[in-house]
Amino acid sequence: MTDDVNAHRAVGRLIEDLAGIRRRIESVERAWDHEVEIVAVTKAFDPSIVDLAVDAGCRAIGENYAQDLLSKRDVIEAFDHDRRPRVDFIGRLQSNKVRQLAGLVDRWATVDRASLAREISKRDPGAEVLVQVNATGEPDKGGCDPDDVAALLKTCRDRGLCAVGLLGIGPTGQPPEAAATAFTIVRALVDEHGLDVCSMGMTADLEVAVRCGATSVRVGSALFGSRPGGPVHQQSGERG
């Protein structure tokens, strides 16, 4: 009974936090009228967080690390079809991890090179993908150069993948407003190539992203608090 009560309270808090994020999105003055999706970033949390997120109304979850996601496989696969959240892989991905994740990932959101597109097409034919764009020019950040987006989109489509949009990340260690330049570049590329999904913005800079035209924001700490950084996270050896 105690566990049920605690779970109920946790879901209640998540519902409140989710509503708070939606209010932040709705408060932004923007030249767009599309709906903005909230992707709940569950990385580094116990698998039970997925149940709580879905119970609170989250329809999509995002994971950065292969091992973290694999640890949640049983929970995700236990959902009925109508309740199962869409699973986005949103971290930097090594090609040799694709085989383990195929069938569990619904949207590969960080395709940044042709070799990764080829591996996904081999292991998950027809999969939905986003091309990640490095619009800040930071050498340690994932993503292809903006000038290479067209070619990478073509590679994805030539391999039978369903390329539906782009993903961008703001500059590291800068105030939220500093992300506006990069987000504007990503949105312009989405429009140039007639894409539907513009995934950009996280907890700190989501208002900037929404103003610049994001259709999807990735939110973790504003929903779940500080990440515990458990052993699966520490041992994965991957970058998010």
Protein backbone atom coordinates (compact mmCIF):
# COMPACT_ATOMS: atom_id res chain seq x y z
CA MET A 1 0.00 0.00 0.00
CA THR A 2 2.83 2.41 0.88
CA ASP A 3 4.44 1.90 -2.53
CA ASP A 4 1.10 2.59 -4.24
CA VAL A 5 0.64 5.80 -2.26
CA ASN A 6 4.18 6.96 -3.03
CA ALA A 7 3.72 6.21 -6.73
CA HIS A 8 0.43 8.13 -6.74
CA ARG A 9 2.11 11.13 -5.13
CA ALA A 10 4.99 10.96 -7.61
CA VAL A 11 2.59 10.88 -10.55
CA GLY A 12 0.73 13.84 -9.09
CA ARG A 13 3.94 15.86 -8.87
CA LEU A 14 4.86 14.92 -12.43
CA ILE A 15 1.45 16.02 -13.69
CA GLU A 16 1.97 19.38 -11.99
CA ASP A 17 5.48 19.74 -13.42
CA LEU A 18 4.31 18.77 -16.90
CA ALA A 19 1.58 21.39 -16.68
CA GLY A 20 4.22 23.92 -15.61
CA ILE A 21 6.31 23.17 -18.69
CA ARG A 22 3.26 23.54 -20.91
CA ARG A 23 2.58 26.93 -19.30
CA ARG A 24 6.16 27.97 -20.07
CA ILE A 25 5.66 26.97 -23.70
CA GLU A 26 2.31 28.74 -23.99
CA SER A 27 3.74 31.93 -22.49
CA VAL A 28 6.16 32.43 -25.37
CA GLU A 29 5.27 35.01 -27.99
CA ARG A 30 6.02 33.38 -31.32
CA ALA A 31 5.21 33.50 -34.99
CA TRP A 32 4.16 29.83 -34.98
CA ASP A 33 0.90 28.13 -34.16
CA HIS A 34 2.01 24.49 -34.20
CA GLU A 35 1.81 22.31 -31.11
CA VAL A 36 5.06 21.80 -29.21
CA GLU A 37 5.69 18.25 -28.06
CA ILE A 38 7.41 17.54 -24.74
CA VAL A 39 9.87 14.63 -24.81
CA ALA A 40 10.54 13.42 -21.26
CA VAL A 41 14.27 12.71 -20.89
CA THR A 42 14.59 9.72 -18.57
CA LYS A 43 18.33 9.08 -18.83
CA ALA A 44 20.14 7.87 -15.68
CA PHE A 45 16.90 7.21 -13.80
CA ASP A 46 15.59 3.87 -12.60
CA PRO A 47 13.37 2.06 -15.17
CA SER A 48 10.31 2.73 -12.98
CA ILE A 49 10.50 6.39 -14.04
CA VAL A 50 9.05 5.40 -17.41
CA ASP A 51 5.87 4.07 -15.77
CA LEU A 52 5.52 7.27 -13.77
CA ALA A 53 6.09 9.45 -16.84
CA VAL A 54 3.47 7.62 -18.87
CA ASP A 55 0.97 7.71 -16.01
CA ALA A 56 1.53 11.48 -15.85
CA GLY A 57 0.69 11.88 -19.52
CA CYS A 58 4.08 11.81 -21.27
CA ARG A 59 3.76 10.29 -24.72
CA ALA A 60 7.44 10.28 -25.69
CA ILE A 61 10.61 9.56 -23.71
CA GLY A 62 14.20 10.35 -24.65
CA GLU A 63 17.31 8.38 -23.77
CA ASN A 64 20.94 9.41 -24.29
CA TYR A 65 22.79 6.23 -23.44
CA ALA A 66 22.42 2.75 -24.91
CA GLN A 67 22.89 0.94 -21.60
CA ASP A 68 20.38 3.17 -19.81
CA LEU A 69 17.81 2.45 -22.48
CA LEU A 70 18.47 -1.28 -22.50
CA SER A 71 17.94 -1.34 -18.74
CA LYS A 72 14.41 -0.01 -19.38
CA ARG A 73 13.54 -2.53 -22.12
CA ASP A 74 11.32 -4.74 -19.95
CA VAL A 75 9.32 -1.78 -18.65
CA ILE A 76 8.83 -0.31 -22.13
CA GLU A 77 7.89 -3.59 -23.75
CA ALA A 78 5.35 -4.34 -21.01
CA PHE A 79 3.11 -1.47 -22.10
CA ASP A 80 0.02 -2.17 -24.13
CA HIS A 81 0.28 -0.78 -27.66
CA ASP A 82 -2.00 2.17 -26.88
CA ARG A 83 0.00 3.22 -23.81
CA ARG A 84 3.53 2.56 -25.02
CA PRO A 85 5.47 5.84 -25.26
CA ARG A 86 7.47 6.67 -28.34
CA VAL A 87 11.14 6.04 -27.58
CA ASP A 88 13.59 8.59 -28.97
CA PHE A 89 17.33 7.99 -28.89
CA ILE A 90 18.75 11.48 -28.38
CA GLY A 91 22.40 10.91 -27.47
CA ARG A 92 25.54 10.51 -29.54
CA LEU A 93 25.42 7.02 -30.89
CA GLN A 94 28.14 4.57 -31.80
CA SER A 95 27.25 2.49 -34.85
CA ASN A 96 28.02 -0.72 -32.98
CA LYS A 97 25.20 0.00 -30.51
CA VAL A 98 22.48 0.17 -33.17
CA ARG A 99 21.96 -3.60 -33.35
CA GLN A 100 21.23 -3.79 -29.60
CA LEU A 101 18.72 -0.95 -29.75
CA ALA A 102 16.88 -1.86 -32.95
CA GLY A 103 13.27 -2.71 -32.20
CA LEU A 104 13.31 -0.65 -29.00
CA VAL A 105 14.00 2.79 -30.49
CA ASP A 106 11.12 4.39 -32.40
CA ARG A 107 12.95 7.54 -33.50
CA TRP A 108 16.71 7.77 -34.03
CA ALA A 109 17.09 11.49 -33.35
CA THR A 110 20.84 12.04 -33.64
CA VAL A 111 21.88 10.79 -37.08
CA ASP A 112 24.96 12.87 -37.85
CA ARG A 113 26.91 10.83 -40.44
CA ALA A 114 26.30 8.60 -43.40
CA SER A 115 27.82 5.52 -41.76
CA LEU A 116 25.30 5.73 -38.91
CA ALA A 117 22.43 6.12 -41.37
CA ARG A 118 23.61 3.03 -43.21
CA GLU A 119 23.81 0.99 -40.01
CA ILE A 120 20.33 2.06 -38.88
CA SER A 121 18.89 1.21 -42.31
CA LYS A 122 20.50 -2.23 -42.05
CA ARG A 123 19.30 -3.00 -38.51
CA ASP A 124 15.98 -1.11 -38.52
CA PRO A 125 14.74 -0.78 -42.12
CA GLY A 126 12.39 2.13 -42.75
CA ALA A 127 13.06 3.65 -39.33
CA GLU A 128 12.12 7.22 -38.47
CA VAL A 129 15.15 9.47 -38.04
CA LEU A 130 16.18 13.03 -37.34
CA VAL A 131 19.41 14.48 -38.64
CA GLN A 132 21.38 16.22 -35.90
CA VAL A 133 22.87 19.56 -36.88
CA ASN A 134 25.85 21.16 -35.16
CA ALA A 135 24.74 24.75 -35.62
CA THR A 136 27.06 26.15 -32.92
CA GLY A 137 30.31 25.03 -34.54
CA GLU A 138 31.61 23.52 -31.29
CA PRO A 139 34.07 20.75 -32.16
CA ASP A 140 33.05 18.50 -29.27
CA LYS A 141 29.33 18.64 -30.08
CA GLY A 142 27.59 15.98 -32.17
CA GLY A 143 25.87 16.81 -35.41
CA CYS A 144 26.73 17.43 -39.03
CA ASP A 145 27.68 20.80 -40.44
CA PRO A 146 24.67 22.83 -41.63
CA ASP A 147 26.09 22.70 -45.15
CA ASP A 148 25.98 18.89 -45.05
CA VAL A 149 22.33 18.53 -44.05
CA ALA A 150 21.00 18.13 -47.59
CA ALA A 151 23.46 15.37 -48.43
CA LEU A 152 22.79 13.49 -45.20
CA LEU A 153 19.04 13.73 -45.64
CA LYS A 154 19.48 12.30 -49.13
CA THR A 155 21.59 9.44 -47.78
CA CYS A 156 18.91 8.63 -45.22
CA ARG A 157 16.17 8.61 -47.81
CA ASP A 158 18.23 6.67 -50.33
CA ARG A 159 18.68 4.02 -47.65
CA GLY A 160 14.92 3.84 -47.10
CA LEU A 161 14.85 5.73 -43.81
CA CYS A 162 12.02 8.12 -42.97
CA ALA A 163 13.82 11.42 -42.33
CA VAL A 164 11.19 13.61 -40.67
CA GLY A 165 13.22 16.46 -39.20
CA LEU A 166 16.29 17.92 -37.58
CA LEU A 167 17.65 18.12 -34.04
CA GLY A 168 19.79 20.94 -32.68
CA ILE A 169 21.44 21.78 -29.37
CA GLY A 170 22.39 25.21 -28.07
CA PRO A 171 25.95 26.20 -27.11
CA THR A 172 27.47 24.64 -24.02
CA GLY A 173 28.03 26.80 -20.96
CA GLN A 174 26.24 29.86 -22.31
CA PRO A 175 23.09 31.68 -21.12
CA PRO A 176 19.82 30.50 -22.69
CA GLU A 177 19.50 33.45 -25.07
CA ALA A 178 22.83 32.51 -26.66
CA ALA A 179 21.08 29.53 -28.25
CA ALA A 180 18.92 31.73 -30.48
CA THR A 181 21.43 31.91 -33.33
CA ALA A 182 21.86 28.14 -33.55
CA PHE A 183 18.13 27.49 -33.18
CA THR A 184 17.34 29.96 -35.95
CA ILE A 185 19.75 28.12 -38.26
CA VAL A 186 18.15 24.76 -37.48
CA ARG A 187 14.62 26.08 -38.02
CA ALA A 188 15.60 27.64 -41.35
CA LEU A 189 16.99 24.29 -42.49
CA VAL A 190 13.78 22.52 -41.44
CA ASP A 191 11.79 24.94 -43.58
CA GLU A 192 14.24 24.78 -46.49
CA HIS A 193 13.92 21.00 -46.70
CA GLY A 194 10.18 20.83 -46.02
CA LEU A 195 10.53 18.80 -42.82
CA ASP A 196 7.97 18.39 -40.06
CA VAL A 197 10.03 18.01 -36.88
CA CYS A 198 12.28 20.66 -35.36
CA SER A 199 13.64 19.23 -32.12
CA MET A 200 15.53 21.81 -30.09
CA GLY A 201 15.49 23.22 -26.61
CA MET A 202 15.92 21.69 -23.17
CA THR A 203 14.93 22.69 -19.65
CA ALA A 204 17.05 25.85 -19.51
CA ASP A 205 16.49 27.21 -23.02
CA LEU A 206 13.11 25.85 -24.06
CA GLU A 207 11.51 29.32 -24.28
CA VAL A 208 14.21 30.40 -26.73
CA ALA A 209 13.68 27.24 -28.75
CA VAL A 210 9.92 27.67 -28.87
CA ARG A 211 10.27 31.28 -29.98
CA CYS A 212 12.61 30.14 -32.75
CA GLY A 213 10.16 27.53 -34.00
CA ALA A 214 10.74 24.25 -32.14
CA THR A 215 8.07 21.60 -32.61
CA SER A 216 9.60 19.41 -29.89
CA VAL A 217 11.53 20.15 -26.69
CA ARG A 218 13.51 17.66 -24.60
CA VAL A 219 12.96 18.10 -20.88
CA GLY A 220 14.51 16.13 -18.04
CA SER A 221 15.41 17.99 -14.87
CA ALA A 222 12.31 20.21 -14.94
CA LEU A 223 10.25 17.01 -14.73
CA PHE A 224 12.32 14.60 -12.69
CA GLY A 225 14.79 16.75 -10.77
CA SER A 226 18.55 16.19 -10.61
CA ARG A 227 19.76 12.98 -12.21
CA PRO A 228 21.21 10.36 -9.86
CA GLY A 229 23.94 9.28 -12.30
CA GLY A 230 23.68 5.63 -11.32
CA PRO A 231 26.11 2.86 -12.20
CA VAL A 232 24.59 2.10 -15.60
CA HIS A 233 25.12 5.71 -16.56
CA GLN A 234 28.66 5.82 -15.25
CA GLN A 235 29.74 2.60 -16.92
CA SER A 236 28.26 3.25 -20.35
CA GLY A 237 31.27 5.14 -21.66
CA GLU A 238 29.04 7.09 -24.02
CA ARG A 239 28.40 10.76 -24.35
CA GLY A 240 25.00 12.42 -24.38
